Amino acid sequence: MKFLISPAKTLDTSSKPSVDDVSQPDYLDDAQQLIETIKPYTPPQVGSLMKLSDKLATLNVERYQSWKKNHNKDNSRPAIYTFMGDVYTGLDAYSLSPKEMTYAQDHLRILSGLYGLLKPLDLMQAYRLEMGTHLENPRGTNLYQFWGDTIVDALNKQLNDGELLVNLASNEYFKAVNTKKLNAPLISPNFLDEKNGKFKVISFYAKKARGLMARYLIQNRCETLDDIKAFNINGYEYDESQSTSLVPVFVRPESAQPQK
């Protein structure tokens, strides 16, 4: 089983993860091409393109200017310890054991607008470039056109015969995977929370649940759909009545949600 998550806008650039074994991103040439494309942009142009405040636009222009293709421990950090946000709160990478992190390195993949596809321990440099950005580039007018079939081709090479691919990424990022060319069964869990008597996707909760599911898949070395259905963390339970063969649905009543 392989599983996909999205990156995050919020980055941790200060903590010091104690990691000896790191890896290199597979698509540094492509990443450099994107950096060279956006480097000439001024802060106002970046702010307009990405709908950022002046402060964030200036910060990211500085990041593009200082980005180096040579990634090492001095100028880069492992991706899994750099992305923050709700998904990564649920995943809680810092509390995974060394064996669990080794398993994650083999089975978890992070979609990225800049790097395409990252392994957890791939070195990365701070950036903001969301997959949905309409950035004119040598291959088209947006990042979906830039990445084309690169990501699905990579996944097909990494997936063994009969191995499941579990989509825990957002729609914005998963659109970068050309599913028509995917040579694997695709499972897309859905997480619903109760509000005012009705169950629906609540973004904040759903993001954290996707991280919790990724952690569960790592810790339990899941291989089958039945393994996925057994997920019952933080009040979520599998709901057979709302599920299909490819979309297992997990529901959580309001009484089981964190108290505000």
Protein backbone atom coordinates (compact mmCIF):
# COMPACT_ATOMS: atom_id res chain seq x y z
CA MET A 1 0.00 0.00 0.00
CA LYS A 2 1.13 3.50 -0.87
CA PHE A 3 -0.64 6.60 0.39
CA LEU A 4 -0.62 10.26 -0.62
CA ILE A 5 -0.98 13.44 1.41
CA SER A 6 -0.84 17.12 0.52
CA PRO A 7 1.91 19.51 1.65
CA ALA A 8 1.11 22.48 3.88
CA LYS A 9 1.41 26.25 3.60
CA THR A 10 2.82 26.58 7.12
CA LEU A 11 6.44 25.49 7.45
CA ASP A 12 8.67 24.65 10.40
CA THR A 13 12.11 26.03 9.61
CA SER A 14 13.53 26.19 13.13
CA SER A 15 13.19 22.85 14.97
CA LYS A 16 16.07 20.39 14.79
CA PRO A 17 14.92 16.87 13.86
CA SER A 18 17.54 14.27 14.73
CA VAL A 19 17.67 12.38 11.46
CA ASP A 20 20.74 10.66 10.06
CA ASP A 21 19.33 9.14 6.90
CA VAL A 22 17.87 11.69 4.51
CA SER A 23 17.09 11.40 0.82
CA GLN A 24 17.10 13.60 -2.27
CA PRO A 25 13.96 14.64 -4.15
CA ASP A 26 13.56 12.82 -7.46
CA TYR A 27 12.68 15.90 -9.52
CA LEU A 28 15.19 18.59 -8.59
CA ASP A 29 15.75 19.51 -12.25
CA ASP A 30 12.02 20.20 -12.60
CA ALA A 31 11.94 22.12 -9.33
CA GLN A 32 14.84 24.27 -10.48
CA GLN A 33 13.00 25.01 -13.72
CA LEU A 34 9.99 26.25 -11.73
CA ILE A 35 12.21 28.34 -9.45
CA GLU A 36 13.88 29.95 -12.48
CA THR A 37 10.41 30.66 -13.88
CA ILE A 38 9.17 32.47 -10.78
CA LYS A 39 12.45 34.09 -9.67
CA PRO A 40 11.95 37.26 -11.77
CA TYR A 41 8.59 37.94 -10.08
CA THR A 42 8.43 40.94 -7.74
CA PRO A 43 6.67 40.76 -4.35
CA PRO A 44 3.54 42.49 -5.74
CA GLN A 45 3.45 40.02 -8.64
CA VAL A 46 3.81 37.03 -6.30
CA GLY A 47 1.21 38.51 -3.97
CA SER A 48 -1.24 38.89 -6.85
CA LEU A 49 -0.51 35.42 -8.27
CA MET A 50 -0.92 33.62 -4.95
CA LYS A 51 -3.22 36.03 -3.10
CA LEU A 52 -0.63 36.66 -0.37
CA SER A 53 -0.10 39.57 2.00
CA ASP A 54 2.80 41.92 1.27
CA LYS A 55 4.78 40.32 4.09
CA LEU A 56 4.29 36.75 2.83
CA ALA A 57 4.91 37.76 -0.77
CA THR A 58 8.23 39.36 0.18
CA LEU A 59 9.21 36.32 2.27
CA ASN A 60 8.58 33.95 -0.61
CA VAL A 61 10.41 36.08 -3.16
CA GLU A 62 13.38 35.88 -0.79
CA ARG A 63 12.93 32.10 -0.64
CA TYR A 64 12.97 31.81 -4.44
CA GLN A 65 16.11 33.93 -4.62
CA SER A 66 17.96 31.83 -2.05
CA TRP A 67 16.78 28.42 -3.32
CA LYS A 68 19.66 26.18 -4.41
CA LYS A 69 19.45 23.00 -6.46
CA ASN A 70 22.08 21.41 -4.25
CA HIS A 71 20.08 20.19 -1.24
CA ASN A 72 22.06 19.32 1.87
CA LYS A 73 21.51 19.26 5.63
CA ASP A 74 22.80 22.82 5.94
CA ASN A 75 20.31 24.44 3.58
CA SER A 76 17.41 21.95 3.61
CA ARG A 77 15.20 19.90 5.94
CA PRO A 78 13.35 16.57 5.62
CA ALA A 79 9.88 17.24 4.21
CA ILE A 80 7.97 15.31 6.88
CA TYR A 81 9.46 17.54 9.60
CA THR A 82 9.01 20.78 7.67
CA PHE A 83 5.35 20.84 6.66
CA MET A 84 2.96 21.86 9.45
CA GLY A 85 -0.80 22.29 9.56
CA ASP A 86 -3.78 20.08 10.33
CA VAL A 87 -2.75 17.01 8.31
CA TYR A 88 0.68 17.03 9.92
CA THR A 89 -0.81 17.52 13.39
CA GLY A 90 -2.71 14.28 12.86
CA LEU A 91 0.34 12.53 11.43
CA ASP A 92 2.59 13.69 14.31
CA ALA A 93 5.82 12.59 12.62
CA TYR A 94 8.05 13.46 15.57
CA SER A 95 6.48 10.70 17.67
CA LEU A 96 6.91 7.95 15.06
CA SER A 97 9.55 5.37 15.94
CA PRO A 98 12.61 4.89 13.71
CA LYS A 99 11.08 1.68 12.32
CA GLU A 100 7.81 3.46 11.62
CA MET A 101 9.66 6.27 9.84
CA THR A 102 11.51 3.71 7.72
CA TYR A 103 8.14 2.23 6.76
CA ALA A 104 6.77 5.71 6.01
CA GLN A 105 9.75 6.41 3.76
CA ASP A 106 8.77 3.39 1.66
CA HIS A 107 5.00 3.91 1.63
CA LEU A 108 4.06 7.57 2.20
CA ARG A 109 4.34 10.19 -0.53
CA ILE A 110 3.76 13.94 -0.35
CA LEU A 111 2.44 15.77 -3.42
CA SER A 112 4.13 19.13 -4.03
CA GLY A 113 3.67 22.00 -6.46
CA LEU A 114 7.43 22.62 -6.54
CA TYR A 115 8.91 19.15 -6.06
CA GLY A 116 6.18 17.03 -7.67
CA LEU A 117 6.39 14.02 -5.38
CA LEU A 118 8.36 13.82 -2.14
CA LYS A 119 9.36 10.97 0.14
CA PRO A 120 9.09 11.83 3.85
CA LEU A 121 12.84 12.17 4.37
CA ASP A 122 13.53 13.99 1.10
CA LEU A 123 15.37 17.24 1.75
CA MET A 124 13.44 20.37 0.79
CA GLN A 125 13.91 24.11 1.02
CA ALA A 126 11.22 26.49 2.21
CA TYR A 127 8.82 27.58 -0.53
CA ARG A 128 5.23 28.52 -1.33
CA LEU A 129 3.93 27.20 -4.63
CA GLU A 130 0.56 25.54 -4.42
CA MET A 131 -0.44 23.02 -7.06
CA GLY A 132 -3.40 25.15 -8.17
CA THR A 133 -1.21 28.17 -8.97
CA HIS A 134 -1.70 29.52 -12.50
CA LEU A 135 2.00 30.01 -13.16
CA GLU A 136 3.01 30.41 -16.80
CA ASN A 137 5.84 27.94 -17.35
CA PRO A 138 7.74 26.22 -20.19
CA ARG A 139 5.15 23.41 -20.31
CA GLY A 140 1.90 25.32 -20.04
CA THR A 141 -0.14 27.83 -18.06
CA ASN A 142 -0.39 25.99 -14.75
CA LEU A 143 1.37 23.38 -12.61
CA TYR A 144 -0.92 20.55 -13.69
CA GLN A 145 0.37 21.04 -17.22
CA PHE A 146 3.92 21.38 -15.95
CA TRP A 147 3.87 18.07 -14.10
CA GLY A 148 1.78 16.28 -16.72
CA ASP A 149 2.14 12.51 -16.27
CA THR A 150 5.35 12.74 -14.24
CA ILE A 151 3.65 12.02 -10.92
CA VAL A 152 1.45 9.14 -12.09
CA ASP A 153 4.41 7.58 -13.91
CA ALA A 154 6.44 7.75 -10.70
CA LEU A 155 3.64 6.17 -8.68
CA ASN A 156 3.20 3.37 -11.21
CA LYS A 157 6.90 2.55 -10.93
CA GLN A 158 6.75 2.52 -7.14
CA LEU A 159 3.55 0.48 -6.80
CA ASN A 160 3.84 -3.30 -6.74
CA ASP A 161 1.31 -5.51 -8.55
CA GLY A 162 -2.02 -5.42 -6.72
CA GLU A 163 -0.83 -2.78 -4.25
CA LEU A 164 -3.44 -0.21 -3.24
CA LEU A 165 -3.00 3.55 -3.60
CA VAL A 166 -4.79 5.48 -0.85
CA ASN A 167 -5.62 9.11 -1.59
CA LEU A 168 -5.43 11.25 1.55
CA ALA A 169 -4.62 14.43 -0.38
CA SER A 170 -6.83 17.42 -1.14
CA ASN A 171 -8.61 17.71 -4.49
CA GLU A 172 -6.26 20.53 -5.52
CA TYR A 173 -3.24 18.27 -5.19
CA PHE A 174 -4.69 14.95 -6.24
CA LYS A 175 -5.71 16.50 -9.59
CA ALA A 176 -1.98 16.35 -10.41
CA VAL A 177 -2.28 12.54 -10.57
CA ASN A 178 -3.61 11.41 -13.96
CA THR A 179 -5.81 8.61 -12.64
CA LYS A 180 -6.62 7.40 -16.18
CA LYS A 181 -3.03 6.12 -16.35
CA LEU A 182 -2.87 4.80 -12.78
CA ASN A 183 -2.11 1.07 -12.68
CA ALA A 184 -3.44 0.42 -9.19
CA PRO A 185 -6.73 0.24 -7.27
CA LEU A 186 -7.45 3.71 -5.87
CA ILE A 187 -9.02 4.08 -2.43
CA SER A 188 -10.23 7.54 -1.35
CA PRO A 189 -11.36 7.65 2.30
CA ASN A 190 -13.86 10.33 3.28
CA PHE A 191 -14.33 11.75 6.77
CA LEU A 192 -17.64 13.21 7.89
CA ASP A 193 -18.37 15.04 11.13
CA GLU A 194 -21.77 15.72 12.62
CA LYS A 195 -22.96 19.31 12.82
CA ASN A 196 -26.52 20.27 13.73
CA GLY A 197 -27.62 16.68 13.27
CA LYS A 198 -26.12 16.25 9.80
CA PHE A 199 -22.86 14.58 8.76
CA LYS A 200 -20.67 16.52 6.36
CA VAL A 201 -17.04 17.27 5.54
CA ILE A 202 -15.70 19.91 7.93
CA SER A 203 -12.37 21.00 6.46
CA PHE A 204 -10.42 21.45 9.71
CA TYR A 205 -11.51 18.06 11.05
CA ALA A 206 -11.14 16.27 7.71
CA LYS A 207 -7.55 17.46 7.26
CA LYS A 208 -6.54 16.24 10.69
CA ALA A 209 -8.36 12.94 10.07
CA ARG A 210 -6.36 12.39 6.88
CA GLY A 211 -3.18 12.81 8.91
CA LEU A 212 -4.50 10.42 11.56
CA MET A 213 -5.29 7.88 8.84
CA ALA A 214 -1.78 8.21 7.39
CA ARG A 215 -0.32 7.60 10.85
CA TYR A 216 -2.63 4.61 11.34
CA LEU A 217 -1.58 3.10 7.99
CA ILE A 218 2.08 3.49 8.99
CA GLN A 219 1.77 2.11 12.50
CA ASN A 220 -0.37 -0.85 11.46
CA ARG A 221 1.44 -1.57 8.19
CA CYS A 222 -1.91 -1.78 6.45
CA GLU A 223 -2.21 -3.67 3.18
CA THR A 224 -5.91 -4.27 2.50
CA LEU A 225 -9.20 -2.37 2.33
CA ASP A 226 -10.33 -4.26 5.44
CA ASP A 227 -7.29 -2.86 7.26
CA ILE A 228 -8.39 0.65 6.28
CA LYS A 229 -11.98 0.02 7.40
CA ALA A 230 -10.72 -0.90 10.88
CA PHE A 231 -9.61 2.72 11.46
CA ASN A 232 -11.39 3.94 14.61
CA ILE A 233 -9.31 6.76 16.05
CA ASN A 234 -10.50 10.01 17.71
CA GLY A 235 -14.14 8.96 17.54
CA TYR A 236 -14.30 8.05 13.84
CA GLU A 237 -16.00 4.79 12.84
CA TYR A 238 -16.42 3.12 9.46
CA ASP A 239 -19.95 3.62 8.10
CA GLU A 240 -20.81 0.84 5.69
CA SER A 241 -24.13 2.40 4.67
CA GLN A 242 -22.44 5.49 3.21
CA SER A 243 -19.36 3.74 1.82
CA THR A 244 -18.62 2.30 -1.61
CA SER A 245 -15.96 -0.21 -2.59
CA LEU A 246 -13.50 2.58 -3.41
CA VAL A 247 -14.65 5.30 -1.01
CA PRO A 248 -14.75 4.11 2.60
CA VAL A 249 -16.62 6.67 4.72
CA PHE A 250 -15.81 7.34 8.35
CA VAL A 251 -18.22 9.30 10.53
CA ARG A 252 -17.87 10.98 13.91
CA PRO A 253 -20.79 12.17 16.04
CA GLU A 254 -20.71 15.65 17.53
CA SER A 255 -20.36 14.15 21.01
CA ALA A 256 -16.99 12.62 20.04
CA GLN A 257 -15.52 15.81 18.57
CA PRO A 258 -12.86 17.74 20.53
CA GLN A 259 -14.36 20.17 23.00
CA LYS A 260 -13.85 23.77 21.90
